[in-house]
Amino acid sequence: MKVFIYCFAVLSICLFAACGNNDQGENPEVDKDPVTNNESEAAIKKMVGHWYLKEATRSGKKAELGDFYIHFSENGIFKSDLIDANQIKPYQDGLKATVEDDLISFDDWSDSFEIKELGDSTLTLAIDLKGFPFEFHFTKESIE
């Protein structure tokens, strides 16, 4: 019986500590990372600017793709010289992008990118092209 009471007391303390105040305000479920919490406006604001391809991988191995860029405008227009699986540059003239959770989708194009990382100066996007997983690692152009 003493073991039961001891286990119950330890479990109660653990549950109480887990439900306690975590100093994140009224809504502890809200993470400030826009990629993981459907804060698309905040994510687009963070992505606004010109990004240059630093490295690309195909199926986890380094892929030499050349010098690609992407550009996000404040109104959510995505421009890039990236090619799609059919060797077409669908983003060259700009497509309206929608950011939801960790996904960038486009109004007039079927491809979408998964946002793997979004920092102040780094951006990693992933996409499957013809059954091959690609990751694109970008660095943001610094404005001096």
C-alpha atoms as a PDB file:
ATOM      1  CA  MET A   1       0.000   0.000   0.000  1.00  0.00           C
ATOM      2  CA  LYS A   2       2.876   2.355   0.826  1.00  0.00           C
ATOM      3  CA  VAL A   3       4.332   1.756  -2.657  1.00  0.00           C
ATOM      4  CA  PHE A   4       0.999   2.690  -4.232  1.00  0.00           C
ATOM      5  CA  ILE A   5       0.769   5.919  -2.210  1.00  0.00           C
ATOM      6  CA  TYR A   6       4.407   6.781  -3.039  1.00  0.00           C
ATOM      7  CA  CYS A   7       3.848   6.188  -6.793  1.00  0.00           C
ATOM      8  CA  PHE A   8       0.639   8.208  -6.700  1.00  0.00           C
ATOM      9  CA  ALA A   9       2.410  11.099  -4.941  1.00  0.00           C
ATOM     10  CA  VAL A  10       5.301  11.102  -7.472  1.00  0.00           C
ATOM     11  CA  LEU A  11       2.890  10.944 -10.409  1.00  0.00           C
ATOM     12  CA  SER A  12       0.801  13.797  -8.970  1.00  0.00           C
ATOM     13  CA  ILE A  13       3.895  15.980  -8.514  1.00  0.00           C
ATOM     14  CA  CYS A  14       5.005  15.262 -12.101  1.00  0.00           C
ATOM     15  CA  LEU A  15       1.571  16.128 -13.487  1.00  0.00           C
ATOM     16  CA  PHE A  16       1.387  19.286 -11.388  1.00  0.00           C
ATOM     17  CA  ALA A  17       4.823  20.404 -12.591  1.00  0.00           C
ATOM     18  CA  ALA A  18       3.943  19.676 -16.227  1.00  0.00           C
ATOM     19  CA  CYS A  19       0.756  21.759 -15.998  1.00  0.00           C
ATOM     20  CA  GLY A  20       2.354  24.653 -14.117  1.00  0.00           C
ATOM     21  CA  ASN A  21       3.046  28.188 -15.362  1.00  0.00           C
ATOM     22  CA  ASN A  22       5.656  28.120 -18.112  1.00  0.00           C
ATOM     23  CA  ASP A  23       5.972  31.916 -18.503  1.00  0.00           C
ATOM     24  CA  GLN A  24       4.713  31.892 -22.092  1.00  0.00           C
ATOM     25  CA  GLY A  25       1.617  33.971 -21.430  1.00  0.00           C
ATOM     26  CA  GLU A  26      -1.981  32.871 -21.620  1.00  0.00           C
ATOM     27  CA  ASN A  27      -1.569  30.420 -24.508  1.00  0.00           C
ATOM     28  CA  PRO A  28       1.387  28.076 -23.903  1.00  0.00           C
ATOM     29  CA  GLU A  29       0.545  26.126 -27.078  1.00  0.00           C
ATOM     30  CA  VAL A  30       1.629  28.996 -29.335  1.00  0.00           C
ATOM     31  CA  ASP A  31       5.193  28.571 -30.487  1.00  0.00           C
ATOM     32  CA  LYS A  32       6.758  31.670 -32.019  1.00  0.00           C
ATOM     33  CA  ASP A  33       8.130  29.647 -34.929  1.00  0.00           C
ATOM     34  CA  PRO A  34       5.856  30.576 -37.862  1.00  0.00           C
ATOM     35  CA  VAL A  35       6.676  27.419 -39.774  1.00  0.00           C
ATOM     36  CA  THR A  36       5.102  25.110 -37.215  1.00  0.00           C
ATOM     37  CA  ASN A  37       2.034  27.066 -36.185  1.00  0.00           C
ATOM     38  CA  ASN A  38       0.209  28.290 -39.261  1.00  0.00           C
ATOM     39  CA  GLU A  39       1.258  31.929 -38.832  1.00  0.00           C
ATOM     40  CA  SER A  40       1.558  32.433 -42.570  1.00  0.00           C
ATOM     41  CA  GLU A  41       1.817  36.230 -42.466  1.00  0.00           C
ATOM     42  CA  ALA A  42       4.740  36.063 -40.039  1.00  0.00           C
ATOM     43  CA  ALA A  43       6.418  33.384 -42.143  1.00  0.00           C
ATOM     44  CA  ILE A  44       6.051  35.400 -45.346  1.00  0.00           C
ATOM     45  CA  LYS A  45       7.456  38.492 -43.600  1.00  0.00           C
ATOM     46  CA  LYS A  46      10.457  36.453 -42.476  1.00  0.00           C
ATOM     47  CA  MET A  47      10.927  35.089 -45.999  1.00  0.00           C
ATOM     48  CA  VAL A  48      10.681  38.476 -47.755  1.00  0.00           C
ATOM     49  CA  GLY A  49      13.879  39.136 -49.638  1.00  0.00           C
ATOM     50  CA  HIS A  50      16.333  37.614 -52.064  1.00  0.00           C
ATOM     51  CA  TRP A  51      17.763  34.171 -51.262  1.00  0.00           C
ATOM     52  CA  TYR A  52      20.646  32.413 -53.013  1.00  0.00           C
ATOM     53  CA  LEU A  53      21.130  28.672 -53.270  1.00  0.00           C
ATOM     54  CA  LYS A  54      24.016  27.647 -51.058  1.00  0.00           C
ATOM     55  CA  GLU A  55      23.658  23.885 -51.407  1.00  0.00           C
ATOM     56  CA  ALA A  56      21.236  21.324 -52.814  1.00  0.00           C
ATOM     57  CA  THR A  57      20.824  17.642 -52.102  1.00  0.00           C
ATOM     58  CA  ARG A  58      19.072  14.913 -54.054  1.00  0.00           C
ATOM     59  CA  SER A  59      18.213  11.794 -52.075  1.00  0.00           C
ATOM     60  CA  GLY A  60      20.536  13.054 -49.331  1.00  0.00           C
ATOM     61  CA  LYS A  61      23.563  13.437 -51.617  1.00  0.00           C
ATOM     62  CA  LYS A  62      25.024  16.752 -52.722  1.00  0.00           C
ATOM     63  CA  ALA A  63      23.671  17.861 -56.097  1.00  0.00           C
ATOM     64  CA  GLU A  64      25.347  20.435 -58.336  1.00  0.00           C
ATOM     65  CA  LEU A  65      22.467  22.501 -59.691  1.00  0.00           C
ATOM     66  CA  GLY A  66      24.105  25.832 -60.417  1.00  0.00           C
ATOM     67  CA  ASP A  67      23.301  29.283 -59.108  1.00  0.00           C
ATOM     68  CA  PHE A  68      19.605  29.474 -58.337  1.00  0.00           C
ATOM     69  CA  TYR A  69      17.758  32.134 -56.398  1.00  0.00           C
ATOM     70  CA  ILE A  70      14.331  32.681 -54.916  1.00  0.00           C
ATOM     71  CA  HIS A  71      12.693  35.985 -54.101  1.00  0.00           C
ATOM     72  CA  PHE A  72       9.686  36.584 -51.846  1.00  0.00           C
ATOM     73  CA  SER A  73       7.894  39.899 -52.084  1.00  0.00           C
ATOM     74  CA  GLU A  74       5.872  41.448 -49.274  1.00  0.00           C
ATOM     75  CA  ASN A  75       2.629  40.604 -51.069  1.00  0.00           C
ATOM     76  CA  GLY A  76       3.490  36.888 -51.178  1.00  0.00           C
ATOM     77  CA  ILE A  77       4.777  36.651 -54.754  1.00  0.00           C
ATOM     78  CA  PHE A  78       7.397  33.926 -55.172  1.00  0.00           C
ATOM     79  CA  LYS A  79       9.901  34.374 -57.995  1.00  0.00           C
ATOM     80  CA  SER A  80      12.718  32.003 -58.833  1.00  0.00           C
ATOM     81  CA  ASP A  81      14.793  30.576 -61.614  1.00  0.00           C
ATOM     82  CA  LEU A  82      14.375  27.054 -60.167  1.00  0.00           C
ATOM     83  CA  ILE A  83      13.182  24.495 -62.679  1.00  0.00           C
ATOM     84  CA  ASP A  84      10.487  21.911 -62.130  1.00  0.00           C
ATOM     85  CA  ALA A  85      10.561  18.203 -62.987  1.00  0.00           C
ATOM     86  CA  ASN A  86       9.790  19.011 -66.631  1.00  0.00           C
ATOM     87  CA  GLN A  87      12.685  21.501 -66.981  1.00  0.00           C
ATOM     88  CA  ILE A  88      10.236  24.428 -66.934  1.00  0.00           C
ATOM     89  CA  LYS A  89      10.800  27.614 -64.911  1.00  0.00           C
ATOM     90  CA  PRO A  90       7.265  28.090 -63.566  1.00  0.00           C
ATOM     91  CA  TYR A  91       8.273  30.665 -60.946  1.00  0.00           C
ATOM     92  CA  GLN A  92      10.239  32.992 -63.233  1.00  0.00           C
ATOM     93  CA  ASP A  93       7.439  35.527 -63.687  1.00  0.00           C
ATOM     94  CA  GLY A  94       6.217  35.110 -60.105  1.00  0.00           C
ATOM     95  CA  LEU A  95       3.440  33.050 -58.575  1.00  0.00           C
ATOM     96  CA  LYS A  96       1.226  33.927 -55.636  1.00  0.00           C
ATOM     97  CA  ALA A  97       2.454  31.821 -52.715  1.00  0.00           C
ATOM     98  CA  THR A  98       0.446  30.693 -49.717  1.00  0.00           C
ATOM     99  CA  VAL A  99       2.277  29.613 -46.579  1.00  0.00           C
ATOM    100  CA  GLU A 100       0.392  27.279 -44.258  1.00  0.00           C
ATOM    101  CA  ASP A 101       2.050  25.367 -41.463  1.00  0.00           C
ATOM    102  CA  ASP A 102       5.305  24.251 -43.053  1.00  0.00           C
ATOM    103  CA  LEU A 103       4.154  24.257 -46.668  1.00  0.00           C
ATOM    104  CA  ILE A 104       4.482  26.790 -49.498  1.00  0.00           C
ATOM    105  CA  SER A 105       1.846  26.218 -52.160  1.00  0.00           C
ATOM    106  CA  PHE A 106       0.954  28.227 -55.238  1.00  0.00           C
ATOM    107  CA  ASP A 107      -2.344  29.437 -56.668  1.00  0.00           C
ATOM    108  CA  ASP A 108      -1.561  28.419 -60.261  1.00  0.00           C
ATOM    109  CA  TRP A 109       0.936  25.585 -59.898  1.00  0.00           C
ATOM    110  CA  SER A 110       0.684  22.055 -58.503  1.00  0.00           C
ATOM    111  CA  ASP A 111       4.150  21.856 -56.896  1.00  0.00           C
ATOM    112  CA  SER A 112       4.627  22.816 -53.269  1.00  0.00           C
ATOM    113  CA  PHE A 113       7.668  23.164 -51.039  1.00  0.00           C
ATOM    114  CA  GLU A 114       8.034  21.968 -47.483  1.00  0.00           C
ATOM    115  CA  ILE A 115       9.779  24.477 -45.237  1.00  0.00           C
ATOM    116  CA  LYS A 116      12.369  22.484 -43.314  1.00  0.00           C
ATOM    117  CA  GLU A 117      14.110  25.486 -41.732  1.00  0.00           C
ATOM    118  CA  LEU A 118      13.383  29.196 -41.642  1.00  0.00           C
ATOM    119  CA  GLY A 119      15.845  31.479 -39.906  1.00  0.00           C
ATOM    120  CA  ASP A 120      16.803  35.112 -40.282  1.00  0.00           C
ATOM    121  CA  SER A 121      19.454  34.279 -42.882  1.00  0.00           C
ATOM    122  CA  THR A 122      18.856  30.615 -43.744  1.00  0.00           C
ATOM    123  CA  LEU A 123      16.015  28.844 -45.491  1.00  0.00           C
ATOM    124  CA  THR A 124      15.746  25.153 -46.334  1.00  0.00           C
ATOM    125  CA  LEU A 125      13.032  23.949 -48.698  1.00  0.00           C
ATOM    126  CA  ALA A 126      12.232  20.371 -49.670  1.00  0.00           C
ATOM    127  CA  ILE A 127      10.324  18.993 -52.642  1.00  0.00           C
ATOM    128  CA  ASP A 128       9.907  15.638 -54.406  1.00  0.00           C
ATOM    129  CA  LEU A 129      10.595  15.800 -58.135  1.00  0.00           C
ATOM    130  CA  LYS A 130       9.934  12.684 -60.208  1.00  0.00           C
ATOM    131  CA  GLY A 131      10.155  10.558 -57.074  1.00  0.00           C
ATOM    132  CA  PHE A 132      13.454  12.028 -55.855  1.00  0.00           C
ATOM    133  CA  PRO A 133      13.594  14.061 -52.639  1.00  0.00           C
ATOM    134  CA  PHE A 134      15.420  17.364 -53.048  1.00  0.00           C
ATOM    135  CA  GLU A 135      16.470  19.834 -50.369  1.00  0.00           C
ATOM    136  CA  PHE A 136      17.513  23.371 -51.192  1.00  0.00           C
ATOM    137  CA  HIS A 137      19.555  25.332 -48.658  1.00  0.00           C
ATOM    138  CA  PHE A 138      19.423  29.089 -49.194  1.00  0.00           C
ATOM    139  CA  THR A 139      21.145  32.063 -47.605  1.00  0.00           C
ATOM    140  CA  LYS A 140      19.519  35.479 -47.525  1.00  0.00           C
ATOM    141  CA  GLU A 141      21.122  38.365 -49.344  1.00  0.00           C
ATOM    142  CA  SER A 142      22.293  40.849 -46.771  1.00  0.00           C
ATOM    143  CA  ILE A 143      21.350  44.460 -47.330  1.00  0.00           C
ATOM    144  CA  GLU A 144      24.080  46.814 -46.205  1.00  0.00           C
END
